[in-house]
Amino acid sequence: MSIEHHDLVHEFPELRERIHEKKMTDAHFARLFNEYHDLTKDVERMETEIEPVTTQTEEEYKLKRVNLKDKLYRMLMN
Protein backbone atom coordinates (compact mmCIF):
# COMPACT_ATOMS: atom_id res chain seq x y z
CA MET A 1 0.00 0.00 0.00
CA SER A 2 1.41 3.35 -1.03
CA ILE A 3 1.17 6.09 1.58
CA GLU A 4 0.42 9.59 0.39
CA HIS A 5 2.55 12.20 2.11
CA HIS A 6 0.66 15.06 3.71
CA ASP A 7 3.44 17.15 5.14
CA LEU A 8 2.82 20.85 4.62
CA VAL A 9 5.42 21.31 1.88
CA HIS A 10 3.88 18.43 -0.13
CA GLU A 11 0.44 19.92 0.41
CA PHE A 12 1.48 23.46 -0.59
CA PRO A 13 4.72 23.26 -2.61
CA GLU A 14 4.19 26.76 -3.96
CA LEU A 15 4.34 28.06 -0.37
CA ARG A 16 7.63 26.38 0.58
CA GLU A 17 9.47 29.66 1.23
CA ARG A 18 6.51 31.20 3.09
CA ILE A 19 6.27 28.10 5.32
CA HIS A 20 9.95 28.37 6.20
CA GLU A 21 9.65 32.10 6.87
CA LYS A 22 6.63 31.65 9.15
CA LYS A 23 8.32 28.83 11.07
CA MET A 24 11.32 31.09 11.74
CA THR A 25 9.39 34.24 12.68
CA ASP A 26 6.07 33.15 14.20
CA ALA A 27 6.24 30.97 17.32
CA HIS A 28 2.51 30.18 17.22
CA PHE A 29 2.77 29.04 13.60
CA ALA A 30 5.85 26.97 14.42
CA ARG A 31 4.02 25.24 17.28
CA LEU A 32 1.01 24.44 15.07
CA PHE A 33 3.34 23.32 12.27
CA ASN A 34 5.03 20.86 14.64
CA GLU A 35 1.65 19.63 15.87
CA TYR A 36 0.57 19.09 12.25
CA HIS A 37 3.80 17.25 11.50
CA ASP A 38 3.31 14.96 14.53
CA LEU A 39 -0.31 14.25 13.57
CA THR A 40 0.78 13.40 10.03
CA LYS A 41 3.36 10.93 11.32
CA ASP A 42 0.73 9.36 13.59
CA VAL A 43 -1.74 8.97 10.71
CA GLU A 44 0.92 7.48 8.46
CA ARG A 45 1.75 4.90 11.16
CA MET A 46 -1.96 4.07 11.44
CA GLU A 47 -2.36 3.77 7.66
CA THR A 48 0.58 1.38 7.38
CA GLU A 49 -0.73 -0.51 10.40
CA ILE A 50 2.53 -0.02 12.25
CA GLU A 51 0.26 1.31 14.96
CA PRO A 52 -3.09 -0.50 14.54
CA VAL A 53 -6.10 1.46 15.75
CA THR A 54 -9.82 1.49 15.13
CA THR A 55 -11.12 3.15 11.99
CA GLN A 56 -12.86 5.71 14.18
CA THR A 57 -9.58 6.70 15.85
CA GLU A 58 -7.83 7.01 12.49
CA GLU A 59 -10.67 9.18 11.14
CA GLU A 60 -10.54 11.41 14.24
CA TYR A 61 -6.81 11.98 13.71
CA LYS A 62 -7.37 12.74 10.04
CA LEU A 63 -10.09 15.26 10.92
CA LYS A 64 -7.79 16.97 13.45
CA ARG A 65 -5.08 17.08 10.80
CA VAL A 66 -7.30 18.62 8.11
CA ASN A 67 -8.60 21.25 10.55
CA LEU A 68 -5.05 22.11 11.56
CA LYS A 69 -3.97 22.24 7.91
CA ASP A 70 -6.79 24.72 7.19
CA LYS A 71 -5.68 26.89 10.10
CA LEU A 72 -2.04 26.83 8.95
CA TYR A 73 -3.07 27.69 5.39
CA ARG A 74 -5.06 30.70 6.61
CA MET A 75 -2.02 31.83 8.60
CA LEU A 76 0.18 31.46 5.51
CA MET A 77 -2.20 33.59 3.47
CA ASN A 78 -2.20 36.48 5.98
PDB file of N, CA and C in Angstrom:
ATOM      1  N   MET A   1       0.844  -1.177   0.000  1.00  0.00           N
ATOM      2  CA  MET A   1       0.000   0.000   0.000  1.00  0.00           C
ATOM      3  C   MET A   1       0.887   1.237   0.000  1.00  0.00           C
ATOM      4  N   SER A   2       0.647   2.114  -0.924  1.00  0.00           N
ATOM      5  CA  SER A   2       1.411   3.351  -1.028  1.00  0.00           C
ATOM      6  C   SER A   2       0.801   4.417  -0.125  1.00  0.00           C
ATOM      7  N   ILE A   3       1.637   5.055   0.666  1.00  0.00           N
ATOM      8  CA  ILE A   3       1.166   6.088   1.575  1.00  0.00           C
ATOM      9  C   ILE A   3       1.389   7.454   0.941  1.00  0.00           C
ATOM     10  N   GLU A   4       0.334   8.237   0.917  1.00  0.00           N
ATOM     11  CA  GLU A   4       0.417   9.592   0.385  1.00  0.00           C
ATOM     12  C   GLU A   4       0.965  10.511   1.479  1.00  0.00           C
ATOM     13  N   HIS A   5       1.945  11.313   1.128  1.00  0.00           N
ATOM     14  CA  HIS A   5       2.549  12.205   2.107  1.00  0.00           C
ATOM     15  C   HIS A   5       1.734  13.493   2.225  1.00  0.00           C
ATOM     16  N   HIS A   6       1.483  13.878   3.454  1.00  0.00           N
ATOM     17  CA  HIS A   6       0.661  15.056   3.707  1.00  0.00           C
ATOM     18  C   HIS A   6       1.413  16.134   4.475  1.00  0.00           C
ATOM     19  N   ASP A   7       2.740  16.073   4.460  1.00  0.00           N
ATOM     20  CA  ASP A   7       3.441  17.150   5.142  1.00  0.00           C
ATOM     21  C   ASP A   7       3.129  18.465   4.420  1.00  0.00           C
ATOM     22  N   LEU A   8       3.280  19.558   5.119  1.00  0.00           N
ATOM     23  CA  LEU A   8       2.819  20.851   4.618  1.00  0.00           C
ATOM     24  C   LEU A   8       3.474  21.254   3.300  1.00  0.00           C
ATOM     25  N   VAL A   9       4.740  20.950   3.121  1.00  0.00           N
ATOM     26  CA  VAL A   9       5.422  21.314   1.877  1.00  0.00           C
ATOM     27  C   VAL A   9       4.868  20.493   0.707  1.00  0.00           C
ATOM     28  N   HIS A  10       4.515  19.235   0.930  1.00  0.00           N
ATOM     29  CA  HIS A  10       3.883  18.433  -0.132  1.00  0.00           C
ATOM     30  C   HIS A  10       2.481  18.949  -0.432  1.00  0.00           C
ATOM     31  N   GLU A  11       1.793  19.407   0.592  1.00  0.00           N
ATOM     32  CA  GLU A  11       0.440  19.920   0.408  1.00  0.00           C
ATOM     33  C   GLU A  11       0.439  21.260  -0.329  1.00  0.00           C
ATOM     34  N   PHE A  12       1.412  22.104  -0.010  1.00  0.00           N
ATOM     35  CA  PHE A  12       1.482  23.455  -0.589  1.00  0.00           C
ATOM     36  C   PHE A  12       2.892  23.748  -1.101  1.00  0.00           C
ATOM     37  N   PRO A  13       3.333  23.060  -2.146  1.00  0.00           N
ATOM     38  CA  PRO A  13       4.715  23.258  -2.612  1.00  0.00           C
ATOM     39  C   PRO A  13       5.006  24.689  -3.049  1.00  0.00           C
ATOM     40  N   GLU A  14       3.996  25.377  -3.523  1.00  0.00           N
ATOM     41  CA  GLU A  14       4.185  26.763  -3.956  1.00  0.00           C
ATOM     42  C   GLU A  14       4.425  27.708  -2.782  1.00  0.00           C
ATOM     43  N   LEU A  15       4.170  27.235  -1.565  1.00  0.00           N
ATOM     44  CA  LEU A  15       4.341  28.061  -0.365  1.00  0.00           C
ATOM     45  C   LEU A  15       5.565  27.650   0.452  1.00  0.00           C
ATOM     46  N   ARG A  16       6.453  26.892  -0.141  1.00  0.00           N
ATOM     47  CA  ARG A  16       7.632  26.376   0.575  1.00  0.00           C
ATOM     48  C   ARG A  16       8.389  27.483   1.303  1.00  0.00           C
ATOM     49  N   GLU A  17       8.698  28.570   0.610  1.00  0.00           N
ATOM     50  CA  GLU A  17       9.466  29.656   1.227  1.00  0.00           C
ATOM     51  C   GLU A  17       8.669  30.352   2.317  1.00  0.00           C
ATOM     52  N   ARG A  18       7.380  30.542   2.093  1.00  0.00           N
ATOM     53  CA  ARG A  18       6.514  31.198   3.089  1.00  0.00           C
ATOM     54  C   ARG A  18       6.423  30.321   4.350  1.00  0.00           C
ATOM     55  N   ILE A  19       6.322  29.017   4.168  1.00  0.00           N
ATOM     56  CA  ILE A  19       6.267  28.100   5.320  1.00  0.00           C
ATOM     57  C   ILE A  19       7.533  28.245   6.152  1.00  0.00           C
ATOM     58  N   HIS A  20       8.672  28.230   5.488  1.00  0.00           N
ATOM     59  CA  HIS A  20       9.947  28.367   6.201  1.00  0.00           C
ATOM     60  C   HIS A  20      10.017  29.715   6.935  1.00  0.00           C
ATOM     61  N   GLU A  21       9.628  30.767   6.261  1.00  0.00           N
ATOM     62  CA  GLU A  21       9.654  32.105   6.869  1.00  0.00           C
ATOM     63  C   GLU A  21       8.772  32.157   8.116  1.00  0.00           C
ATOM     64  N   LYS A  22       7.551  31.622   8.007  1.00  0.00           N
ATOM     65  CA  LYS A  22       6.625  31.652   9.151  1.00  0.00           C
ATOM     66  C   LYS A  22       7.158  30.805  10.316  1.00  0.00           C
ATOM     67  N   LYS A  23       7.771  29.668  10.004  1.00  0.00           N
ATOM     68  CA  LYS A  23       8.321  28.829  11.072  1.00  0.00           C
ATOM     69  C   LYS A  23       9.426  29.564  11.834  1.00  0.00           C
ATOM     70  N   MET A  24      10.190  30.386  11.128  1.00  0.00           N
ATOM     71  CA  MET A  24      11.318  31.089  11.742  1.00  0.00           C
ATOM     72  C   MET A  24      10.893  32.354  12.488  1.00  0.00           C
ATOM     73  N   THR A  25       9.756  32.941  12.119  1.00  0.00           N
ATOM     74  CA  THR A  25       9.386  34.244  12.684  1.00  0.00           C
ATOM     75  C   THR A  25       8.120  34.251  13.530  1.00  0.00           C
ATOM     76  N   ASP A  26       7.356  33.174  13.502  1.00  0.00           N
ATOM     77  CA  ASP A  26       6.070  33.150  14.196  1.00  0.00           C
ATOM     78  C   ASP A  26       6.010  31.905  15.085  1.00  0.00           C
ATOM     79  N   ALA A  27       6.179  32.104  16.377  1.00  0.00           N
ATOM     80  CA  ALA A  27       6.236  30.971  17.319  1.00  0.00           C
ATOM     81  C   ALA A  27       4.933  30.182  17.334  1.00  0.00           C
ATOM     82  N   HIS A  28       3.804  30.865  17.233  1.00  0.00           N
ATOM     83  CA  HIS A  28       2.506  30.179  17.222  1.00  0.00           C
ATOM     84  C   HIS A  28       2.394  29.290  15.976  1.00  0.00           C
ATOM     85  N   PHE A  29       2.777  29.823  14.821  1.00  0.00           N
ATOM     86  CA  PHE A  29       2.765  29.037  13.595  1.00  0.00           C
ATOM     87  C   PHE A  29       3.695  27.834  13.734  1.00  0.00           C
ATOM     88  N   ALA A  30       4.872  28.051  14.264  1.00  0.00           N
ATOM     89  CA  ALA A  30       5.852  26.968  14.418  1.00  0.00           C
ATOM     90  C   ALA A  30       5.297  25.859  15.310  1.00  0.00           C
ATOM     91  N   ARG A  31       4.610  26.234  16.380  1.00  0.00           N
ATOM     92  CA  ARG A  31       4.022  25.237  17.284  1.00  0.00           C
ATOM     93  C   ARG A  31       2.943  24.429  16.560  1.00  0.00           C
ATOM     94  N   LEU A  32       2.065  25.127  15.820  1.00  0.00           N
ATOM     95  CA  LEU A  32       1.010  24.438  15.075  1.00  0.00           C
ATOM     96  C   LEU A  32       1.596  23.580  13.954  1.00  0.00           C
ATOM     97  N   PHE A  33       2.653  24.075  13.315  1.00  0.00           N
ATOM     98  CA  PHE A  33       3.336  23.316  12.270  1.00  0.00           C
ATOM     99  C   PHE A  33       3.860  21.999  12.843  1.00  0.00           C
ATOM    100  N   ASN A  34       4.497  22.067  13.994  1.00  0.00           N
ATOM    101  CA  ASN A  34       5.027  20.860  14.641  1.00  0.00           C
ATOM    102  C   ASN A  34       3.911  19.900  15.040  1.00  0.00           C
ATOM    103  N   GLU A  35       2.807  20.453  15.520  1.00  0.00           N
ATOM    104  CA  GLU A  35       1.653  19.625  15.874  1.00  0.00           C
ATOM    105  C   GLU A  35       1.109  18.922  14.621  1.00  0.00           C
ATOM    106  N   TYR A  36       1.024  19.663  13.512  1.00  0.00           N
ATOM    107  CA  TYR A  36       0.566  19.091  12.248  1.00  0.00           C
ATOM    108  C   TYR A  36       1.511  17.970  11.797  1.00  0.00           C
ATOM    109  N   HIS A  37       2.795  18.234  11.894  1.00  0.00           N
ATOM    110  CA  HIS A  37       3.800  17.245  11.500  1.00  0.00           C
ATOM    111  C   HIS A  37       3.656  15.968  12.344  1.00  0.00           C
ATOM    112  N   ASP A  38       3.473  16.128  13.644  1.00  0.00           N
ATOM    113  CA  ASP A  38       3.311  14.964  14.528  1.00  0.00           C
ATOM    114  C   ASP A  38       2.036  14.184  14.196  1.00  0.00           C
ATOM    115  N   LEU A  39       0.936  14.910  13.937  1.00  0.00           N
ATOM    116  CA  LEU A  39      -0.311  14.247  13.566  1.00  0.00           C
ATOM    117  C   LEU A  39      -0.147  13.470  12.259  1.00  0.00           C
ATOM    118  N   THR A  40       0.556  14.055  11.311  1.00  0.00           N
ATOM    119  CA  THR A  40       0.780  13.401  10.031  1.00  0.00           C
ATOM    120  C   THR A  40       1.561  12.106  10.223  1.00  0.00           C
ATOM    121  N   LYS A  41       2.587  12.142  11.051  1.00  0.00           N
ATOM    122  CA  LYS A  41       3.359  10.926  11.324  1.00  0.00           C
ATOM    123  C   LYS A  41       2.484   9.867  11.993  1.00  0.00           C
ATOM    124  N   ASP A  42       1.628  10.297  12.926  1.00  0.00           N
ATOM    125  CA  ASP A  42       0.725   9.356  13.595  1.00  0.00           C
ATOM    126  C   ASP A  42      -0.218   8.698  12.585  1.00  0.00           C
ATOM    127  N   VAL A  43      -0.806   9.502  11.709  1.00  0.00           N
ATOM    128  CA  VAL A  43      -1.743   8.973  10.714  1.00  0.00           C
ATOM    129  C   VAL A  43      -1.021   8.014   9.767  1.00  0.00           C
ATOM    130  N   GLU A  44       0.172   8.364   9.348  1.00  0.00           N
ATOM    131  CA  GLU A  44       0.922   7.475   8.458  1.00  0.00           C
ATOM    132  C   GLU A  44       1.210   6.134   9.134  1.00  0.00           C
ATOM    133  N   ARG A  45       1.519   6.156  10.424  1.00  0.00           N
ATOM    134  CA  ARG A  45       1.746   4.904  11.158  1.00  0.00           C
ATOM    135  C   ARG A  45       0.454   4.083  11.230  1.00  0.00           C
ATOM    136  N   MET A  46      -0.668   4.775  11.399  1.00  0.00           N
ATOM    137  CA  MET A  46      -1.959   4.074  11.439  1.00  0.00           C
ATOM    138  C   MET A  46      -2.288   3.479  10.071  1.00  0.00           C
ATOM    139  N   GLU A  47      -2.038   4.239   9.017  1.00  0.00           N
ATOM    140  CA  GLU A  47      -2.357   3.771   7.664  1.00  0.00           C
ATOM    141  C   GLU A  47      -1.515   2.569   7.261  1.00  0.00           C
ATOM    142  N   THR A  48      -0.296   2.517   7.712  1.00  0.00           N
ATOM    143  CA  THR A  48       0.575   1.381   7.381  1.00  0.00           C
ATOM    144  C   THR A  48       0.427   0.247   8.390  1.00  0.00           C
ATOM    145  N   GLU A  49      -0.442   0.471   9.351  1.00  0.00           N
ATOM    146  CA  GLU A  49      -0.734  -0.507  10.398  1.00  0.00           C
ATOM    147  C   GLU A  49       0.468  -0.828  11.264  1.00  0.00           C
ATOM    148  N   ILE A  50       1.427   0.085  11.296  1.00  0.00           N
ATOM    149  CA  ILE A  50       2.529  -0.025  12.253  1.00  0.00           C
ATOM    150  C   ILE A  50       1.953   0.169  13.649  1.00  0.00           C
ATOM    151  N   GLU A  51       0.953   1.045  13.703  1.00  0.00           N
ATOM    152  CA  GLU A  51       0.256   1.315  14.955  1.00  0.00           C
ATOM    153  C   GLU A  51      -1.235   1.061  14.705  1.00  0.00           C
ATOM    154  N   PRO A  52      -1.694  -0.186  14.829  1.00  0.00           N
ATOM    155  CA  PRO A  52      -3.089  -0.502  14.543  1.00  0.00           C
ATOM    156  C   PRO A  52      -4.044   0.189  15.519  1.00  0.00           C
ATOM    157  N   VAL A  53      -5.068   0.793  14.964  1.00  0.00           N
ATOM    158  CA  VAL A  53      -6.102   1.459  15.753  1.00  0.00           C
ATOM    159  C   VAL A  53      -7.446   1.217  15.076  1.00  0.00           C
ATOM    160  N   THR A  54      -8.501   1.612  15.742  1.00  0.00           N
ATOM    161  CA  THR A  54      -9.823   1.489  15.129  1.00  0.00           C
ATOM    162  C   THR A  54      -9.957   2.503  14.001  1.00  0.00           C
ATOM    163  N   THR A  55     -10.854   2.227  13.094  1.00  0.00           N
ATOM    164  CA  THR A  55     -11.121   3.146  11.989  1.00  0.00           C
ATOM    165  C   THR A  55     -11.577   4.495  12.528  1.00  0.00           C
ATOM    166  N   GLN A  56     -12.374   4.471  13.582  1.00  0.00           N
ATOM    167  CA  GLN A  56     -12.862   5.710  14.179  1.00  0.00           C
ATOM    168  C   GLN A  56     -11.700   6.563  14.686  1.00  0.00           C
ATOM    169  N   THR A  57     -10.747   5.964  15.343  1.00  0.00           N
ATOM    170  CA  THR A  57      -9.583   6.700  15.845  1.00  0.00           C
ATOM    171  C   THR A  57      -8.800   7.310  14.695  1.00  0.00           C
ATOM    172  N   GLU A  58      -8.569   6.513  13.651  1.00  0.00           N
ATOM    173  CA  GLU A  58      -7.835   7.015  12.488  1.00  0.00           C
ATOM    174  C   GLU A  58      -8.573   8.191  11.857  1.00  0.00           C
ATOM    175  N   GLU A  59      -9.875   8.091  11.739  1.00  0.00           N
ATOM    176  CA  GLU A  59     -10.666   9.180  11.145  1.00  0.00           C
ATOM    177  C   GLU A  59     -10.635  10.433  12.024  1.00  0.00           C
ATOM    178  N   GLU A  60     -10.632  10.267  13.336  1.00  0.00           N
ATOM    179  CA  GLU A  60     -10.536  11.408  14.243  1.00  0.00           C
ATOM    180  C   GLU A  60      -9.210  12.133  14.061  1.00  0.00           C
ATOM    181  N   TYR A  61      -8.131  11.379  13.935  1.00  0.00           N
ATOM    182  CA  TYR A  61      -6.812  11.980  13.707  1.00  0.00           C
ATOM    183  C   TYR A  61      -6.770  12.713  12.373  1.00  0.00           C
ATOM    184  N   LYS A  62      -7.358  12.103  11.359  1.00  0.00           N
ATOM    185  CA  LYS A  62      -7.374  12.742  10.042  1.00  0.00           C
ATOM    186  C   LYS A  62      -8.182  14.038  10.072  1.00  0.00           C
ATOM    187  N   LEU A  63      -9.286  14.048  10.804  1.00  0.00           N
ATOM    188  CA  LEU A  63     -10.095  15.264  10.921  1.00  0.00           C
ATOM    189  C   LEU A  63      -9.321  16.356  11.659  1.00  0.00           C
ATOM    190  N   LYS A  64      -8.631  15.997  12.731  1.00  0.00           N
ATOM    191  CA  LYS A  64      -7.790  16.968  13.445  1.00  0.00           C
ATOM    192  C   LYS A  64      -6.742  17.544  12.508  1.00  0.00           C
ATOM    193  N   ARG A  65      -6.128  16.651  11.705  1.00  0.00           N
ATOM    194  CA  ARG A  65      -5.075  17.082  10.795  1.00  0.00           C
ATOM    195  C   ARG A  65      -5.614  18.048   9.741  1.00  0.00           C
ATOM    196  N   VAL A  66      -6.756  17.743   9.154  1.00  0.00           N
ATOM    197  CA  VAL A  66      -7.300  18.623   8.110  1.00  0.00           C
ATOM    198  C   VAL A  66      -7.707  19.973   8.701  1.00  0.00           C
ATOM    199  N   ASN A  67      -8.245  19.974   9.903  1.00  0.00           N
ATOM    200  CA  ASN A  67      -8.598  21.249  10.549  1.00  0.00           C
ATOM    201  C   ASN A  67      -7.347  22.076  10.837  1.00  0.00           C
ATOM    202  N   LEU A  68      -6.310  21.415  11.285  1.00  0.00           N
ATOM    203  CA  LEU A  68      -5.049  22.108  11.557  1.00  0.00           C
ATOM    204  C   LEU A  68      -4.419  22.613  10.259  1.00  0.00           C
ATOM    205  N   LYS A  69      -4.506  21.818   9.208  1.00  0.00           N
ATOM    206  CA  LYS A  69      -3.969  22.244   7.906  1.00  0.00           C
ATOM    207  C   LYS A  69      -4.694  23.499   7.419  1.00  0.00           C
ATOM    208  N   ASP A  70      -6.016  23.535   7.591  1.00  0.00           N
ATOM    209  CA  ASP A  70      -6.786  24.718   7.190  1.00  0.00           C
ATOM    210  C   ASP A  70      -6.348  25.953   7.974  1.00  0.00           C
ATOM    211  N   LYS A  71      -6.124  25.775   9.266  1.00  0.00           N
ATOM    212  CA  LYS A  71      -5.684  26.891  10.104  1.00  0.00           C
ATOM    213  C   LYS A  71      -4.301  27.384   9.662  1.00  0.00           C
ATOM    214  N   LEU A  72      -3.393  26.454   9.405  1.00  0.00           N
ATOM    215  CA  LEU A  72      -2.039  26.829   8.945  1.00  0.00           C
ATOM    216  C   LEU A  72      -2.105  27.532   7.597  1.00  0.00           C
ATOM    217  N   TYR A  73      -2.942  27.054   6.708  1.00  0.00           N
ATOM    218  CA  TYR A  73      -3.075  27.688   5.390  1.00  0.00           C
ATOM    219  C   TYR A  73      -3.562  29.134   5.544  1.00  0.00           C
ATOM    220  N   ARG A  74      -4.565  29.327   6.380  1.00  0.00           N
ATOM    221  CA  ARG A  74      -5.064  30.700   6.610  1.00  0.00           C
ATOM    222  C   ARG A  74      -3.940  31.595   7.158  1.00  0.00           C
ATOM    223  N   MET A  75      -3.134  31.053   8.046  1.00  0.00           N
ATOM    224  CA  MET A  75      -2.020  31.826   8.598  1.00  0.00           C
ATOM    225  C   MET A  75      -0.996  32.154   7.502  1.00  0.00           C
ATOM    226  N   LEU A  76      -0.762  31.231   6.595  1.00  0.00           N
ATOM    227  CA  LEU A  76       0.181  31.463   5.510  1.00  0.00           C
ATOM    228  C   LEU A  76      -0.321  32.534   4.540  1.00  0.00           C
ATOM    229  N   MET A  77      -1.621  32.649   4.413  1.00  0.00           N
ATOM    230  CA  MET A  77      -2.200  33.594   3.467  1.00  0.00           C
ATOM    231  C   MET A  77      -2.314  35.003   4.048  1.00  0.00           C
ATOM    232  N   ASN A  78      -2.106  35.147   5.338  1.00  0.00           N
ATOM    233  CA  ASN A  78      -2.199  36.481   5.983  1.00  0.00           C
ATOM    234  C   ASN A  78      -0.836  37.122   6.083  1.00  0.00           C
TER     235      ASN A  78
END
